[in-house]
Amino acid sequence: MNIAVVGLSHKTAPVEVREKLSIPEPVYDKAIAQLCNCPHLQEVAVLSTCNRLEIYIVTDETDQGVREVIQFLSEHSKLPALYLRQYLFTLLHQDAVMHLMRVSSGLDSLVLGEGQILAQVKQCHKLGQQHNGVGRVLNQLFKQGITAGKRVRTETSIGTGAVSISSAAVELAQIKAQNLAACRVAIVGAGKMSRLLVQHLLSKGATNITILNRSLERSQELAKLFPDAALNLLTLSEMMPTIAHSDIVFTSTSSTELILDRSKLETILEPNQPLMVFDIAVPRNVDANINELDHVQAFNVDDLKAVVAQNQESRRQMAMEAEALLDEEVDSFDVWWRSLETVSTISSLRDKVETIRAQELEKAFSRLGTEFGDRHKEVIEALTRGIVNKILHDPMVQLRAQQDIEARRQAMQTLELLFNLEKPSSQARV
């Protein structure tokens, strides 16, 4: 059996392609069932987010298995396989294992070290189990990947510090507001920067988010990228009433004219009503004179650039530390994976010894006759099972724990020879 991952991400494909391959949770069961029905796929897990779609598989024939996944993606997206291939990546064996570790840790994310992806990997694992796609191998792989993600976040500081203007704005808003989950947030604009704002706000716990845009259709396209978030969508005609009932406002439109100034705010805000405004647009959307209002705080791009530059370098250093941790987790999985080749030998040994035990026990009971009570039989049955388990325990533990591949295979061959075991037909490999 081999492990592979086939997919695409923000690094390999534009959003108009990614959105066609997205697999929302309501159809996850059908996708898993269709993939598991492919002749060469034994296990399947699907990781679908706004920035990536990745299908992890365990296959008995790598080339055939990968082709079956690509064919599924073509049918699901209604895009020709030949067209899709330019956007897809395929990673095999140890590269696939390391990739999941990096994804879980946020090292492959649009925002280096972002925290939301770990929860998405956990959900992928959970749904894969729920819909019978994840078996023994992928279960261990995802458990190891989740452990890796947790270690990187607890043993490094990669998840702290903003690395984009959008994330810096959200981070600063969190510092100022303390609890974003309790804040009413308005975002003016529905472009890329606004999309990032929504992504970061959701990762920080914000739930009451309103998108204001000239085109409602553009806002709806943005909202599709966050199907689990209940975003409020309004047109710009509702901008001032919405701001009046907001605690935090982010502006990010392509307008070349100022859309918000002191005079507009004065007409809608109650006396001493607090408001924070983060203008991340260039040219600016907000006149600096709103700072003259009591209890209104305004920040622009220049206020955030220094925070971004400082944190980018810091996260790069943390990423180097994280890679070393991931190497340990990959090695740990590799030890487990390679130990799978001992399963057939151990199973054959146990089956043979159990057969001998059962046969000898039957002979003994037949000699003892019918007067020998059931209670006595149960005691002797338990006794013989206990003897077998204790005799087999050390050889099995030592065989599984042997990390030297050649030494382990030599030990397996010795057991097969000494006990005249049937030789396993195939071995697991990475």
Protein backbone atom coordinates (compact mmCIF):
# COMPACT_ATOMS: atom_id res chain seq x y z
CA MET A 1 0.00 0.00 0.00
CA ASN A 2 1.18 3.53 -0.76
CA ILE A 3 0.15 7.00 0.40
CA ALA A 4 -0.42 9.87 -2.05
CA VAL A 5 -2.04 13.29 -2.11
CA VAL A 6 -3.52 14.94 -5.21
CA GLY A 7 -4.75 18.51 -5.03
CA LEU A 8 -4.45 22.18 -5.74
CA SER A 9 -4.08 25.28 -3.58
CA HIS A 10 -3.72 29.05 -3.62
CA LYS A 11 -0.13 28.40 -4.74
CA THR A 12 -1.07 26.42 -7.85
CA ALA A 13 -4.53 27.57 -8.96
CA PRO A 14 -6.57 30.79 -9.14
CA VAL A 15 -9.76 31.14 -7.14
CA GLU A 16 -11.99 30.64 -10.20
CA VAL A 17 -10.53 27.13 -10.56
CA ARG A 18 -10.44 26.36 -6.81
CA GLU A 19 -14.10 27.25 -6.37
CA LYS A 20 -15.12 24.74 -9.07
CA LEU A 21 -13.37 21.93 -7.20
CA SER A 22 -14.63 22.85 -3.74
CA ILE A 23 -16.44 19.99 -1.96
CA PRO A 24 -18.81 21.36 0.71
CA GLU A 25 -19.65 19.21 3.73
CA PRO A 26 -23.23 18.36 2.62
CA VAL A 27 -21.85 16.38 -0.38
CA TYR A 28 -18.75 15.06 1.38
CA ASP A 29 -20.32 11.62 1.92
CA LYS A 30 -21.08 11.24 -1.80
CA ALA A 31 -17.55 12.30 -2.77
CA ILE A 32 -16.00 9.82 -0.33
CA ALA A 33 -18.28 7.01 -1.52
CA GLN A 34 -17.49 7.71 -5.18
CA LEU A 35 -13.75 7.75 -4.54
CA CYS A 36 -13.84 4.60 -2.38
CA ASN A 37 -15.61 2.79 -5.21
CA CYS A 38 -12.56 3.30 -7.44
CA PRO A 39 -10.76 -0.03 -7.96
CA HIS A 40 -7.34 1.08 -6.69
CA LEU A 41 -8.31 3.30 -3.74
CA GLN A 42 -8.45 1.68 -0.29
CA GLU A 43 -8.71 4.81 1.90
CA VAL A 44 -9.69 8.41 1.14
CA ALA A 45 -9.78 11.74 2.99
CA VAL A 46 -10.82 15.08 1.47
CA LEU A 47 -9.50 18.41 2.75
CA SER A 48 -11.57 21.23 1.19
CA THR A 49 -11.07 24.89 2.23
CA CYS A 50 -11.27 28.24 0.46
CA ASN A 51 -7.53 28.01 -0.29
CA ARG A 52 -7.09 24.33 -1.14
CA LEU A 53 -8.64 21.03 -2.16
CA GLU A 54 -6.51 18.00 -1.35
CA ILE A 55 -7.42 14.32 -1.61
CA TYR A 56 -5.32 11.95 0.47
CA ILE A 57 -5.39 8.32 -0.59
CA VAL A 58 -4.03 4.90 0.27
CA THR A 59 -3.68 2.91 -2.93
CA ASP A 60 -2.38 -0.48 -4.01
CA GLU A 61 -1.22 0.97 -7.34
CA THR A 62 0.03 4.56 -7.20
CA ASP A 63 -0.24 5.54 -10.87
CA GLN A 64 -3.71 4.04 -11.27
CA GLY A 65 -4.88 5.51 -7.96
CA VAL A 66 -3.73 9.02 -8.91
CA ARG A 67 -5.44 8.72 -12.30
CA GLU A 68 -8.69 7.72 -10.59
CA VAL A 69 -8.53 10.79 -8.33
CA ILE A 70 -7.88 13.13 -11.28
CA GLN A 71 -10.80 11.59 -13.16
CA PHE A 72 -13.04 12.16 -10.13
CA LEU A 73 -11.92 15.81 -9.90
CA SER A 74 -12.62 16.29 -13.60
CA GLU A 75 -16.14 14.88 -13.28
CA HIS A 76 -16.84 16.82 -10.07
CA SER A 77 -15.66 20.18 -11.47
CA LYS A 78 -16.88 19.53 -15.04
CA LEU A 79 -13.43 20.61 -16.23
CA PRO A 80 -11.41 18.46 -18.67
CA ALA A 81 -8.69 16.40 -16.96
CA LEU A 82 -6.09 17.73 -19.40
CA TYR A 83 -7.01 21.31 -18.41
CA LEU A 84 -7.00 20.49 -14.70
CA ARG A 85 -3.56 18.89 -14.70
CA GLN A 86 -1.78 22.24 -15.05
CA TYR A 87 -3.14 23.28 -11.65
CA LEU A 88 -2.78 19.98 -9.78
CA PHE A 89 0.11 18.71 -7.70
CA THR A 90 0.77 15.08 -6.76
CA LEU A 91 2.94 14.05 -3.83
CA LEU A 92 3.85 10.46 -3.06
CA HIS A 93 4.76 8.53 0.05
CA GLN A 94 7.03 10.49 2.42
CA ASP A 95 6.47 13.77 0.52
CA ALA A 96 2.70 13.35 1.04
CA VAL A 97 3.25 12.69 4.75
CA MET A 98 5.42 15.80 5.16
CA HIS A 99 2.89 17.87 3.18
CA LEU A 100 0.06 17.07 5.60
CA MET A 101 2.35 17.95 8.52
CA ARG A 102 3.15 21.32 6.92
CA VAL A 103 -0.51 22.01 6.09
CA SER A 104 -1.63 21.21 9.66
CA SER A 105 1.08 23.47 11.05
CA GLY A 106 0.12 26.44 8.88
CA LEU A 107 3.45 26.38 7.02
CA ASP A 108 1.70 25.92 3.67
CA SER A 109 -0.97 28.57 4.33
CA LEU A 110 -1.53 31.88 2.58
CA VAL A 111 -0.82 33.48 5.95
CA LEU A 112 2.19 31.67 7.41
CA GLY A 113 1.25 29.99 10.69
CA GLU A 114 -2.48 30.78 10.55
CA GLY A 115 -4.50 28.77 13.05
CA GLN A 116 -7.76 28.03 11.24
CA ILE A 117 -6.29 25.26 9.07
CA LEU A 118 -5.64 22.93 12.03
CA ALA A 119 -9.35 22.90 12.87
CA GLN A 120 -10.09 22.18 9.19
CA VAL A 121 -7.67 19.22 9.18
CA LYS A 122 -9.36 17.87 12.33
CA GLN A 123 -12.76 18.17 10.63
CA CYS A 124 -11.42 16.42 7.53
CA HIS A 125 -10.23 13.54 9.72
CA LYS A 126 -13.55 13.37 11.56
CA LEU A 127 -15.66 13.36 8.38
CA GLY A 128 -13.37 10.83 6.73
CA GLN A 129 -13.97 8.45 9.64
CA GLN A 130 -17.69 9.22 9.75
CA HIS A 131 -18.14 8.39 6.05
CA ASN A 132 -15.88 5.31 6.09
CA GLY A 133 -13.11 6.79 3.96
CA VAL A 134 -10.41 6.86 6.62
CA GLY A 135 -9.00 3.50 7.61
CA ARG A 136 -6.01 2.35 9.61
CA VAL A 137 -3.30 4.16 7.62
CA LEU A 138 -4.95 7.56 7.09
CA ASN A 139 -6.22 7.50 10.67
CA GLN A 140 -2.64 7.26 11.93
CA LEU A 141 -1.42 9.83 9.37
CA PHE A 142 -4.03 12.43 10.35
CA LYS A 143 -3.52 11.81 14.07
CA GLN A 144 0.20 12.40 13.54
CA GLY A 145 -0.52 15.48 11.39
CA ILE A 146 -2.79 16.98 14.05
CA THR A 147 -0.15 16.29 16.69
CA ALA A 148 2.41 18.05 14.49
CA GLY A 149 0.14 21.08 14.10
CA LYS A 150 -0.37 21.31 17.85
CA ARG A 151 3.36 20.97 18.56
CA VAL A 152 4.28 23.75 16.14
CA ARG A 153 1.76 26.09 17.73
CA THR A 154 2.76 25.28 21.32
CA GLU A 155 6.53 24.94 20.87
CA THR A 156 7.04 27.92 18.53
CA SER A 157 5.45 31.37 18.27
CA ILE A 158 4.64 31.11 14.58
CA GLY A 159 0.93 31.70 15.13
CA THR A 160 1.46 35.15 16.64
CA GLY A 161 2.12 38.37 14.81
CA ALA A 162 0.40 39.67 11.68
CA VAL A 163 2.03 39.12 8.27
CA SER A 164 -0.28 41.10 5.96
CA ILE A 165 -2.02 44.45 6.13
CA SER A 166 -5.35 42.65 6.59
CA SER A 167 -4.09 40.41 9.39
CA ALA A 168 -2.30 43.35 11.04
CA ALA A 169 -5.55 45.31 11.03
CA VAL A 170 -7.46 42.41 12.59
CA GLU A 171 -4.71 41.77 15.12
CA LEU A 172 -4.66 45.41 16.16
CA ALA A 173 -8.47 45.42 16.37
CA GLN A 174 -8.31 42.39 18.65
CA ILE A 175 -5.77 44.10 20.91
CA LYS A 176 -7.90 47.24 21.13
CA ALA A 177 -11.27 45.52 21.50
CA GLN A 178 -10.10 42.59 23.67
CA ASN A 179 -12.94 40.32 22.50
CA LEU A 180 -13.84 40.35 18.79
CA ALA A 181 -16.58 37.78 19.36
CA ALA A 182 -18.58 40.45 21.20
CA CYS A 183 -18.07 43.15 18.53
CA ARG A 184 -20.29 44.20 15.65
CA VAL A 185 -17.96 44.43 12.63
CA ALA A 186 -18.57 46.15 9.30
CA ILE A 187 -16.37 45.70 6.23
CA VAL A 188 -16.77 48.19 3.37
CA GLY A 189 -15.65 46.54 0.14
CA ALA A 190 -15.70 42.93 -1.11
CA GLY A 191 -12.33 42.50 -2.85
CA LYS A 192 -9.28 40.41 -1.98
CA MET A 193 -8.33 42.50 1.06
CA SER A 194 -11.85 42.16 2.42
CA ARG A 195 -11.71 38.40 1.88
CA LEU A 196 -8.55 38.26 3.98
CA LEU A 197 -10.19 40.44 6.61
CA VAL A 198 -13.06 37.97 6.88
CA GLN A 199 -10.65 35.03 7.07
CA HIS A 200 -8.66 36.60 9.92
CA LEU A 201 -11.73 37.86 11.76
CA LEU A 202 -13.28 34.38 11.75
CA SER A 203 -10.02 32.83 12.99
CA LYS A 204 -10.07 35.32 15.90
CA GLY A 205 -13.64 34.42 16.88
CA ALA A 206 -15.65 37.24 15.27
CA THR A 207 -19.20 36.18 14.36
CA ASN A 208 -21.19 39.37 13.72
CA ILE A 209 -19.75 40.54 10.38
CA THR A 210 -21.48 42.71 7.76
CA ILE A 211 -20.12 43.16 4.22
CA LEU A 212 -21.06 46.41 2.44
CA ASN A 213 -20.37 46.70 -1.26
CA ARG A 214 -21.65 48.51 -4.31
CA SER A 215 -22.38 45.18 -6.01
CA LEU A 216 -24.30 42.64 -3.94
CA GLU A 217 -23.21 39.94 -6.38
CA ARG A 218 -19.54 40.54 -5.50
CA SER A 219 -20.38 40.22 -1.81
CA GLN A 220 -22.19 36.96 -2.48
CA GLU A 221 -19.10 35.58 -4.26
CA LEU A 222 -17.02 36.45 -1.20
CA ALA A 223 -19.56 34.86 1.15
CA LYS A 224 -19.43 31.59 -0.82
CA LEU A 225 -15.80 31.21 0.27
CA PHE A 226 -16.94 31.06 3.90
CA PRO A 227 -20.01 28.78 3.81
CA ASP A 228 -19.97 28.18 7.56
CA ALA A 229 -19.99 31.90 8.43
CA ALA A 230 -23.31 33.78 8.64
CA LEU A 231 -22.14 36.96 6.89
CA ASN A 232 -24.60 39.86 6.55
CA LEU A 233 -24.55 41.29 3.00
CA LEU A 234 -25.72 44.84 2.27
CA THR A 235 -25.24 47.45 -0.44
CA LEU A 236 -23.40 50.74 0.09
CA SER A 237 -26.73 52.54 0.43
CA GLU A 238 -26.89 50.97 3.91
CA MET A 239 -23.36 52.01 4.85
CA MET A 240 -24.02 54.85 7.29
CA PRO A 241 -26.85 53.16 9.26
CA THR A 242 -24.68 50.04 9.50
CA ILE A 243 -21.65 51.99 10.76
CA ALA A 244 -23.89 53.66 13.33
CA HIS A 245 -24.58 50.21 14.82
CA SER A 246 -21.00 48.92 14.56
CA ASP A 247 -18.10 48.78 16.99
CA ILE A 248 -15.39 48.26 14.37
CA VAL A 249 -15.28 49.30 10.71
CA PHE A 250 -12.77 48.18 8.07
CA THR A 251 -12.66 49.99 4.73
CA SER A 252 -11.11 48.43 1.64
CA THR A 253 -12.67 49.72 -1.56
CA SER A 254 -11.14 50.72 -4.90
CA SER A 255 -12.72 54.18 -4.69
CA THR A 256 -10.38 57.08 -5.52
CA GLU A 257 -12.56 59.41 -3.45
CA LEU A 258 -12.96 59.51 0.33
CA ILE A 259 -16.09 57.65 1.37
CA LEU A 260 -16.03 58.50 5.08
CA ASP A 261 -15.16 61.72 6.92
CA ARG A 262 -15.88 63.60 10.13
CA SER A 263 -19.05 65.30 8.88
CA LYS A 264 -20.66 61.99 7.88
CA LEU A 265 -19.84 60.34 11.19
CA GLU A 266 -21.03 63.29 13.23
CA THR A 267 -24.53 62.91 11.84
CA ILE A 268 -24.91 59.24 12.81
CA LEU A 269 -22.90 58.69 16.02
CA GLU A 270 -24.34 59.27 19.45
CA PRO A 271 -22.30 61.56 21.76
CA ASN A 272 -19.34 59.62 23.20
CA GLN A 273 -20.17 56.57 21.06
CA PRO A 274 -16.92 54.57 20.62
CA LEU A 275 -15.87 53.49 17.13
CA MET A 276 -12.67 52.06 15.64
CA VAL A 277 -12.00 52.56 11.92
CA PHE A 278 -9.26 50.66 10.05
CA ASP A 279 -8.66 52.04 6.56
CA ILE A 280 -6.52 49.54 4.62
CA ALA A 281 -7.31 50.97 1.17
CA VAL A 282 -4.82 52.72 -1.10
CA PRO A 283 -5.83 55.42 -2.03
CA ARG A 284 -7.37 55.99 1.40
CA ASN A 285 -11.12 55.62 1.90
CA VAL A 286 -11.25 57.56 5.18
CA ASP A 287 -10.40 61.20 5.92
CA ALA A 288 -7.91 61.59 8.76
CA ASN A 289 -10.16 64.24 10.30
CA ILE A 290 -12.38 61.55 11.87
CA ASN A 291 -9.67 61.31 14.55
CA GLU A 292 -10.89 64.71 15.75
CA LEU A 293 -14.08 63.09 17.02
CA ASP A 294 -14.09 62.03 20.66
CA HIS A 295 -14.06 58.25 21.18
CA VAL A 296 -13.29 57.59 17.48
CA GLN A 297 -9.97 55.92 16.67
CA ALA A 298 -8.72 55.70 13.08
CA PHE A 299 -5.80 53.73 11.62
CA ASN A 300 -4.46 53.63 8.06
CA VAL A 301 -2.02 51.45 6.09
CA ASP A 302 1.07 53.32 7.29
CA ASP A 303 0.12 52.56 10.89
CA LEU A 304 0.17 48.84 10.08
CA LYS A 305 3.17 48.39 7.74
CA ALA A 306 5.77 48.42 10.49
CA VAL A 307 3.86 45.69 12.38
CA VAL A 308 3.73 43.54 9.25
CA ALA A 309 7.43 43.90 8.39
CA GLN A 310 8.52 43.03 11.92
CA ASN A 311 6.30 39.99 12.15
CA GLN A 312 7.15 38.59 8.69
CA GLU A 313 10.79 38.15 9.64
CA SER A 314 9.83 36.73 13.02
CA ARG A 315 7.55 34.13 11.43
CA ARG A 316 10.23 33.08 8.95
CA GLN A 317 12.52 32.29 11.86
CA MET A 318 9.73 30.38 13.60
CA ALA A 319 9.05 28.41 10.39
CA MET A 320 12.65 27.15 10.37
CA GLU A 321 12.21 25.91 13.94
CA ALA A 322 8.89 24.31 13.00
CA GLU A 323 10.42 22.35 10.11
CA ALA A 324 12.73 20.59 12.59
CA LEU A 325 9.71 19.55 14.68
CA LEU A 326 7.96 18.25 11.58
CA ASP A 327 10.96 16.09 10.69
CA GLU A 328 10.51 14.37 14.06
CA GLU A 329 6.80 13.75 13.41
CA VAL A 330 7.49 12.40 9.91
CA ASP A 331 10.11 10.04 11.33
CA SER A 332 7.63 8.90 13.99
CA PHE A 333 5.01 8.13 11.35
CA ASP A 334 7.63 6.42 9.21
CA VAL A 335 8.52 4.06 12.08
CA TRP A 336 4.83 3.17 12.50
CA TRP A 337 4.32 2.75 8.74
CA ARG A 338 7.32 0.47 8.33
CA SER A 339 6.23 -1.58 11.32
CA LEU A 340 3.08 -2.52 9.33
CA GLU A 341 5.12 -5.04 7.34
CA THR A 342 5.44 -7.06 10.53
CA VAL A 343 1.66 -7.41 10.83
CA SER A 344 1.34 -10.36 8.43
CA THR A 345 4.16 -12.29 10.11
CA ILE A 346 2.82 -11.61 13.61
CA SER A 347 -0.71 -12.54 12.52
CA SER A 348 0.51 -15.78 10.93
CA LEU A 349 2.50 -16.67 14.03
CA ARG A 350 -0.44 -15.99 16.34
CA ASP A 351 -2.84 -17.94 14.09
CA LYS A 352 -0.50 -20.94 14.01
CA VAL A 353 0.05 -20.97 17.78
CA GLU A 354 -3.69 -20.47 18.40
CA THR A 355 -4.51 -23.40 16.10
CA ILE A 356 -2.08 -25.64 18.01
CA ARG A 357 -3.53 -24.48 21.35
CA ALA A 358 -7.12 -25.15 20.26
CA GLN A 359 -6.26 -28.60 18.87
CA GLU A 360 -4.35 -29.70 21.97
CA LEU A 361 -7.07 -28.34 24.24
CA GLU A 362 -9.73 -30.29 22.36
CA LYS A 363 -7.68 -33.49 22.75
CA ALA A 364 -7.29 -32.86 26.49
CA PHE A 365 -11.01 -32.23 26.99
CA SER A 366 -11.89 -35.41 25.08
CA ARG A 367 -9.65 -37.45 27.39
CA LEU A 368 -11.19 -35.88 30.52
CA GLY A 369 -14.69 -36.95 29.44
CA THR A 370 -18.13 -35.48 30.12
CA GLU A 371 -17.73 -35.40 33.88
CA PHE A 372 -15.28 -32.54 33.58
CA GLY A 373 -17.41 -29.43 34.30
CA ASP A 374 -17.80 -26.32 32.15
CA ARG A 375 -16.34 -24.19 34.92
CA HIS A 376 -13.15 -26.23 34.89
CA LYS A 377 -12.99 -25.98 31.08
CA GLU A 378 -13.24 -22.18 31.27
CA VAL A 379 -10.35 -22.06 33.74
CA ILE A 380 -8.14 -24.25 31.55
CA GLU A 381 -9.16 -22.27 28.42
CA ALA A 382 -8.10 -19.03 30.12
CA LEU A 383 -4.89 -20.65 31.39
CA THR A 384 -3.79 -21.78 27.92
CA ARG A 385 -4.66 -18.43 26.35
CA GLY A 386 -2.63 -16.66 29.02
CA ILE A 387 0.39 -18.92 28.40
CA VAL A 388 0.22 -18.28 24.63
CA ASN A 389 -0.11 -14.51 25.08
CA LYS A 390 2.84 -14.35 27.46
CA ILE A 391 5.07 -16.47 25.21
CA LEU A 392 4.24 -14.35 22.13
CA HIS A 393 4.36 -10.96 23.87
CA ASP A 394 8.12 -10.30 23.86
CA PRO A 395 8.80 -11.51 20.27
CA MET A 396 5.95 -9.35 18.96
CA VAL A 397 7.03 -6.24 20.89
CA GLN A 398 10.66 -6.65 19.80
CA LEU A 399 9.70 -7.20 16.17
CA ARG A 400 7.48 -4.11 16.06
CA ALA A 401 10.09 -1.96 17.85
CA GLN A 402 12.98 -2.93 15.55
CA GLN A 403 13.73 0.23 13.55
CA ASP A 404 16.55 -1.17 11.44
CA ILE A 405 14.74 -2.35 8.29
CA GLU A 406 17.15 -5.12 7.38
CA ALA A 407 17.35 -6.44 10.95
CA ARG A 408 13.54 -6.47 11.18
CA ARG A 409 13.15 -8.30 7.87
CA GLN A 410 15.79 -10.82 8.87
CA ALA A 411 13.93 -11.44 12.15
CA MET A 412 10.69 -11.92 10.22
CA GLN A 413 12.34 -14.40 7.86
CA THR A 414 13.75 -16.31 10.85
CA LEU A 415 10.28 -16.55 12.45
CA GLU A 416 8.75 -17.68 9.16
CA LEU A 417 11.44 -20.34 8.78
CA LEU A 418 11.43 -21.61 12.38
CA PHE A 419 7.65 -21.82 12.66
CA ASN A 420 7.10 -22.80 9.00
CA LEU A 421 4.80 -19.79 8.47
CA GLU A 422 3.17 -18.88 5.18
CA LYS A 423 5.21 -16.01 3.71
CA PRO A 424 3.24 -12.72 3.35
CA SER A 425 2.48 -11.93 -0.30
CA SER A 426 3.32 -8.21 -0.08
CA GLN A 427 4.92 -5.68 2.22
CA ALA A 428 3.79 -2.17 3.13
CA ARG A 429 6.18 0.49 1.94
CA VAL A 430 6.65 4.27 1.80
